[in-house]
Amino acid sequence: MKIAIVDDETKEQEILAKYIREWAGANHELVEFSHFTSSEAFLFSWEGEKDYALLVLDIEMGEISGLELAQRIRIEDKNIPIIFVTGYDEYMQYGYDVSALHYLIKPVQKEKLFQALNKLGEREENTKCLIVNAEHEVRRIPIQSVFYVEADGHGCILHAADETIPIRESFGEMEKQLLMTEEAVKCHRAYLVNLRYISAIRGAELILDHGERLPIARSRMKSVQSAFLQYYKE
């Protein structure tokens, strides 16, 4: 689990990291920290690294506050979990505006932080993600937002709810990631489709909820039908 702690007080960063390590040890999680003393420093790093599993943001910081930082992040990533820490409870209402996972008052109580991290664990179980290399950046894409993946030369095109994303991963690599989740099925040598968006199987085609059609290879027909039926039985 890759975590960014953004706080202009080094001592606060150390306390947060210590508590998170304790939680991780008890829950058999591996954690990796990146520490930033300003929003500006984090944003500079964010340009090249968008694969964090959690952001812990202080609110009162320099020119760009933690709240403003969260607003900027939400423009690009609506799903990344954010925990705010602050010395004042007056900011709590603004935390909801950016869908914060939790809001903690300083000095942070270990038990309260553990509750927030447990909440994150529950959320992650329900929100499986792909980590992919898109153009000039590494991205974290919730599987539930992916319609299908299409082979494209040595890479792939990921068709998601809000965008189409060319990625550098090979079709074989995407097949391994997606089929392990039991959320997708390979319907053709060039297509992996998210089972949740299949509306019907008609002849040699899949009909997706939004009307798009994908081919089913003859050799894949039985496995596609079986995966589709099994998915909706569960």
Protein backbone atom coordinates (compact mmCIF):
# COMPACT_ATOMS: atom_id res chain seq x y z
CA MET A 1 0.00 0.00 0.00
CA LYS A 2 1.57 3.25 -1.15
CA ILE A 3 0.68 6.20 1.10
CA ALA A 4 1.44 9.92 0.80
CA ILE A 5 1.53 12.01 3.98
CA VAL A 6 1.37 15.75 3.28
CA ASP A 7 1.98 17.82 6.43
CA ASP A 8 4.26 20.80 7.03
CA GLU A 9 5.13 19.50 10.51
CA THR A 10 7.73 16.73 10.39
CA LYS A 11 6.88 15.49 13.88
CA GLU A 12 3.23 15.01 12.87
CA GLN A 13 4.34 13.05 9.82
CA GLU A 14 6.44 10.76 12.00
CA ILE A 15 3.55 10.09 14.41
CA LEU A 16 1.14 9.31 11.56
CA ALA A 17 3.64 6.99 9.88
CA LYS A 18 4.29 5.20 13.20
CA TYR A 19 0.58 4.58 13.81
CA ILE A 20 -0.03 3.44 10.22
CA ARG A 21 2.88 0.99 10.47
CA GLU A 22 1.35 -0.45 13.65
CA TRP A 23 -1.99 -0.89 11.89
CA ALA A 24 -0.30 -2.41 8.84
CA GLY A 25 1.64 -4.89 10.97
CA ALA A 26 -1.51 -6.04 12.73
CA ASN A 27 -3.32 -6.43 9.39
CA HIS A 28 -0.45 -8.02 7.45
CA GLU A 29 -0.25 -5.07 5.05
CA LEU A 30 2.94 -3.83 3.40
CA VAL A 31 3.14 -0.04 3.41
CA GLU A 32 5.38 2.39 1.56
CA PHE A 33 5.45 6.09 2.54
CA SER A 34 6.14 9.26 0.59
CA HIS A 35 6.46 12.37 2.79
CA PHE A 36 5.77 15.95 1.64
CA THR A 37 5.95 19.17 3.64
CA SER A 38 3.79 21.21 1.24
CA SER A 39 0.96 20.77 -1.25
CA GLU A 40 3.21 22.17 -3.96
CA ALA A 41 5.80 19.43 -3.38
CA PHE A 42 3.11 16.76 -3.55
CA LEU A 43 1.60 18.16 -6.76
CA PHE A 44 5.03 18.14 -8.42
CA SER A 45 5.40 14.45 -7.54
CA TRP A 46 1.76 13.68 -8.45
CA GLU A 47 2.47 14.58 -12.09
CA GLY A 48 4.52 11.40 -12.45
CA GLU A 49 3.09 9.15 -9.71
CA LYS A 50 -0.64 8.60 -9.37
CA ASP A 51 -0.58 5.10 -7.89
CA TYR A 52 -1.14 6.01 -4.23
CA ALA A 53 -3.61 3.89 -2.27
CA LEU A 54 -4.18 6.64 0.35
CA LEU A 55 -3.49 10.35 0.89
CA VAL A 56 -3.22 11.76 4.43
CA LEU A 57 -3.48 15.56 4.18
CA ASP A 58 -3.00 18.27 6.78
CA ILE A 59 -5.43 21.13 6.12
CA GLU A 60 -3.46 24.16 7.34
CA MET A 61 -0.46 24.42 5.03
CA GLY A 62 1.29 27.30 3.24
CA GLU A 63 -0.16 28.80 0.07
CA ILE A 64 -2.15 25.72 -0.97
CA SER A 65 -4.20 24.23 1.87
CA GLY A 66 -4.99 20.56 2.19
CA LEU A 67 -8.58 21.28 1.15
CA GLU A 68 -7.50 23.05 -2.03
CA LEU A 69 -5.06 20.23 -2.73
CA ALA A 70 -7.89 17.69 -2.39
CA GLN A 71 -10.06 19.72 -4.78
CA ARG A 72 -7.28 19.66 -7.39
CA ILE A 73 -6.77 15.92 -6.93
CA ARG A 74 -10.48 15.21 -7.32
CA ILE A 75 -10.45 16.78 -10.81
CA GLU A 76 -8.20 13.90 -11.94
CA ASP A 77 -9.07 11.14 -9.48
CA LYS A 78 -12.51 10.90 -7.92
CA ASN A 79 -11.80 7.65 -6.09
CA ILE A 80 -8.47 7.89 -4.27
CA PRO A 81 -9.11 7.75 -0.48
CA ILE A 82 -8.27 10.94 1.45
CA ILE A 83 -7.93 11.32 5.23
CA PHE A 84 -7.73 14.89 6.56
CA VAL A 85 -5.90 15.82 9.77
CA THR A 86 -6.26 19.24 11.36
CA GLY A 87 -6.26 21.09 14.64
CA TYR A 88 -9.70 22.60 14.01
CA ASP A 89 -13.10 20.96 13.56
CA GLU A 90 -14.53 23.95 11.64
CA TYR A 91 -13.22 22.46 8.40
CA MET A 92 -15.15 19.20 8.75
CA GLN A 93 -18.02 20.22 6.46
CA TYR A 94 -15.56 20.93 3.64
CA GLY A 95 -14.12 17.43 3.94
CA TYR A 96 -17.44 16.02 2.76
CA ASP A 97 -17.30 18.23 -0.34
CA VAL A 98 -14.31 16.26 -1.62
CA SER A 99 -15.59 12.85 -0.44
CA ALA A 100 -12.98 12.44 2.28
CA LEU A 101 -12.75 8.99 3.83
CA HIS A 102 -12.28 10.44 7.33
CA TYR A 103 -11.52 13.63 9.24
CA LEU A 104 -9.19 13.47 12.26
CA ILE A 105 -8.51 16.15 14.85
CA LYS A 106 -4.92 16.72 16.07
CA PRO A 107 -3.38 15.36 18.16
CA VAL A 108 -4.46 12.29 16.21
CA GLN A 109 -5.66 9.43 18.40
CA LYS A 110 -4.29 6.08 17.30
CA GLU A 111 -7.65 4.35 17.76
CA LYS A 112 -9.43 6.92 15.56
CA LEU A 113 -6.81 6.52 12.83
CA PHE A 114 -7.14 2.73 13.02
CA GLN A 115 -10.91 3.08 12.55
CA ALA A 116 -10.31 5.15 9.41
CA LEU A 117 -7.81 2.63 8.06
CA ASN A 118 -10.21 -0.26 8.76
CA LYS A 119 -12.83 1.66 6.80
CA LEU A 120 -10.33 1.97 3.96
CA GLY A 121 -9.74 -1.79 4.08
CA GLU A 122 -13.47 -2.47 3.75
CA ARG A 123 -13.72 0.00 0.87
CA GLU A 124 -10.74 -1.52 -0.96
CA GLU A 125 -12.33 -4.97 -0.77
CA ASN A 126 -15.32 -3.58 -2.64
CA THR A 127 -13.33 -1.42 -5.08
CA LYS A 128 -10.78 -3.51 -6.93
CA CYS A 129 -8.44 -1.48 -9.12
CA LEU A 130 -6.09 -1.84 -12.07
CA ILE A 131 -2.70 -0.12 -12.00
CA VAL A 132 -1.83 0.82 -15.60
CA ASN A 133 0.79 2.82 -17.49
CA ALA A 134 -1.06 5.47 -19.46
CA GLU A 135 0.59 8.25 -21.44
CA HIS A 136 3.20 9.99 -19.21
CA GLU A 137 1.64 8.64 -15.98
CA VAL A 138 0.78 5.62 -13.88
CA ARG A 139 -2.94 5.44 -13.17
CA ARG A 140 -5.21 3.61 -10.77
CA ILE A 141 -8.49 2.65 -12.47
CA PRO A 142 -11.41 1.08 -10.54
CA ILE A 143 -12.40 -2.13 -12.33
CA GLN A 144 -16.06 -1.30 -11.83
CA SER A 145 -15.65 1.66 -14.21
CA VAL A 146 -14.09 -0.41 -17.02
CA PHE A 147 -16.42 -1.57 -19.82
CA TYR A 148 -13.85 -3.60 -21.77
CA VAL A 149 -10.20 -3.82 -22.81
CA GLU A 150 -9.21 -4.00 -26.46
CA ALA A 151 -5.86 -5.23 -27.83
CA ASP A 152 -4.05 -2.54 -29.79
CA GLY A 153 -0.67 -3.52 -31.24
CA HIS A 154 1.78 -4.09 -28.38
CA GLY A 155 -0.51 -2.26 -25.92
CA CYS A 156 -4.23 -1.97 -25.21
CA ILE A 157 -7.09 0.47 -25.18
CA LEU A 158 -9.07 0.57 -21.96
CA HIS A 159 -12.70 1.62 -22.52
CA ALA A 160 -14.06 3.08 -19.27
CA ALA A 161 -17.26 4.81 -18.24
CA ASP A 162 -15.95 8.35 -18.74
CA GLU A 163 -12.98 7.95 -21.08
CA THR A 164 -10.95 5.82 -23.47
CA ILE A 165 -7.38 5.29 -22.26
CA PRO A 166 -4.48 3.96 -24.37
CA ILE A 167 -2.19 1.95 -22.06
CA ARG A 168 1.21 0.33 -22.48
CA GLU A 169 0.38 -3.00 -20.84
CA SER A 170 0.13 -5.94 -23.26
CA PHE A 171 -3.17 -7.73 -23.75
CA GLY A 172 -1.67 -10.77 -21.99
CA GLU A 173 -0.80 -8.67 -18.92
CA MET A 174 -4.31 -7.21 -18.77
CA GLU A 175 -5.78 -10.67 -19.15
CA LYS A 176 -3.84 -11.85 -16.08
CA GLN A 177 -4.93 -8.84 -13.99
CA LEU A 178 -8.60 -8.94 -14.95
CA LEU A 179 -9.26 -12.67 -14.99
CA MET A 180 -7.76 -13.02 -11.50
CA THR A 181 -10.50 -10.69 -10.19
CA GLU A 182 -13.30 -12.88 -11.65
CA GLU A 183 -14.89 -9.62 -12.82
CA ALA A 184 -14.18 -10.12 -16.53
CA VAL A 185 -14.22 -12.69 -19.30
CA LYS A 186 -12.20 -13.05 -22.51
CA CYS A 187 -14.73 -13.14 -25.34
CA HIS A 188 -12.30 -12.88 -28.26
CA ARG A 189 -8.55 -12.88 -28.84
CA ALA A 190 -8.67 -9.07 -28.84
CA TYR A 191 -11.32 -8.32 -26.17
CA LEU A 192 -11.73 -8.67 -22.40
CA VAL A 193 -15.12 -7.52 -21.14
CA ASN A 194 -16.42 -6.58 -17.68
CA LEU A 195 -19.19 -9.04 -16.80
CA ARG A 196 -21.22 -6.40 -14.97
CA TYR A 197 -21.85 -4.49 -18.22
CA ILE A 198 -23.05 -7.41 -20.35
CA SER A 199 -26.74 -6.93 -21.06
CA ALA A 200 -27.25 -9.95 -23.34
CA ILE A 201 -25.56 -12.63 -25.41
CA ARG A 202 -27.08 -12.59 -28.88
CA GLY A 203 -25.75 -14.95 -31.51
CA ALA A 204 -21.99 -14.40 -31.78
CA GLU A 205 -22.11 -11.01 -30.05
CA LEU A 206 -22.18 -9.51 -26.58
CA ILE A 207 -24.55 -6.58 -26.09
CA LEU A 208 -23.32 -4.13 -23.45
CA ASP A 209 -25.62 -2.01 -21.29
CA HIS A 210 -24.88 1.14 -23.29
CA GLY A 211 -25.64 -0.63 -26.61
CA GLU A 212 -22.12 -1.36 -27.84
CA ARG A 213 -21.53 -4.81 -29.38
CA LEU A 214 -18.44 -7.01 -29.05
CA PRO A 215 -17.68 -10.20 -30.99
CA ILE A 216 -17.56 -13.63 -29.35
CA ALA A 217 -15.12 -16.11 -30.86
CA ARG A 218 -16.68 -19.51 -31.53
CA SER A 219 -14.07 -21.16 -29.32
CA ARG A 220 -14.97 -18.80 -26.42
CA MET A 221 -18.78 -19.13 -26.58
CA LYS A 222 -19.23 -21.78 -23.85
CA SER A 223 -16.81 -20.10 -21.42
CA VAL A 224 -18.47 -16.71 -21.97
CA GLN A 225 -21.96 -18.11 -21.37
CA SER A 226 -20.78 -19.97 -18.26
CA ALA A 227 -19.01 -16.89 -16.80
CA PHE A 228 -22.06 -14.70 -17.52
CA LEU A 229 -24.49 -17.09 -15.82
CA GLN A 230 -22.19 -17.68 -12.85
CA TYR A 231 -21.66 -13.93 -12.32
CA TYR A 232 -25.38 -13.21 -12.06
CA LYS A 233 -26.09 -16.27 -9.92
CA GLU A 234 -23.79 -14.78 -7.30
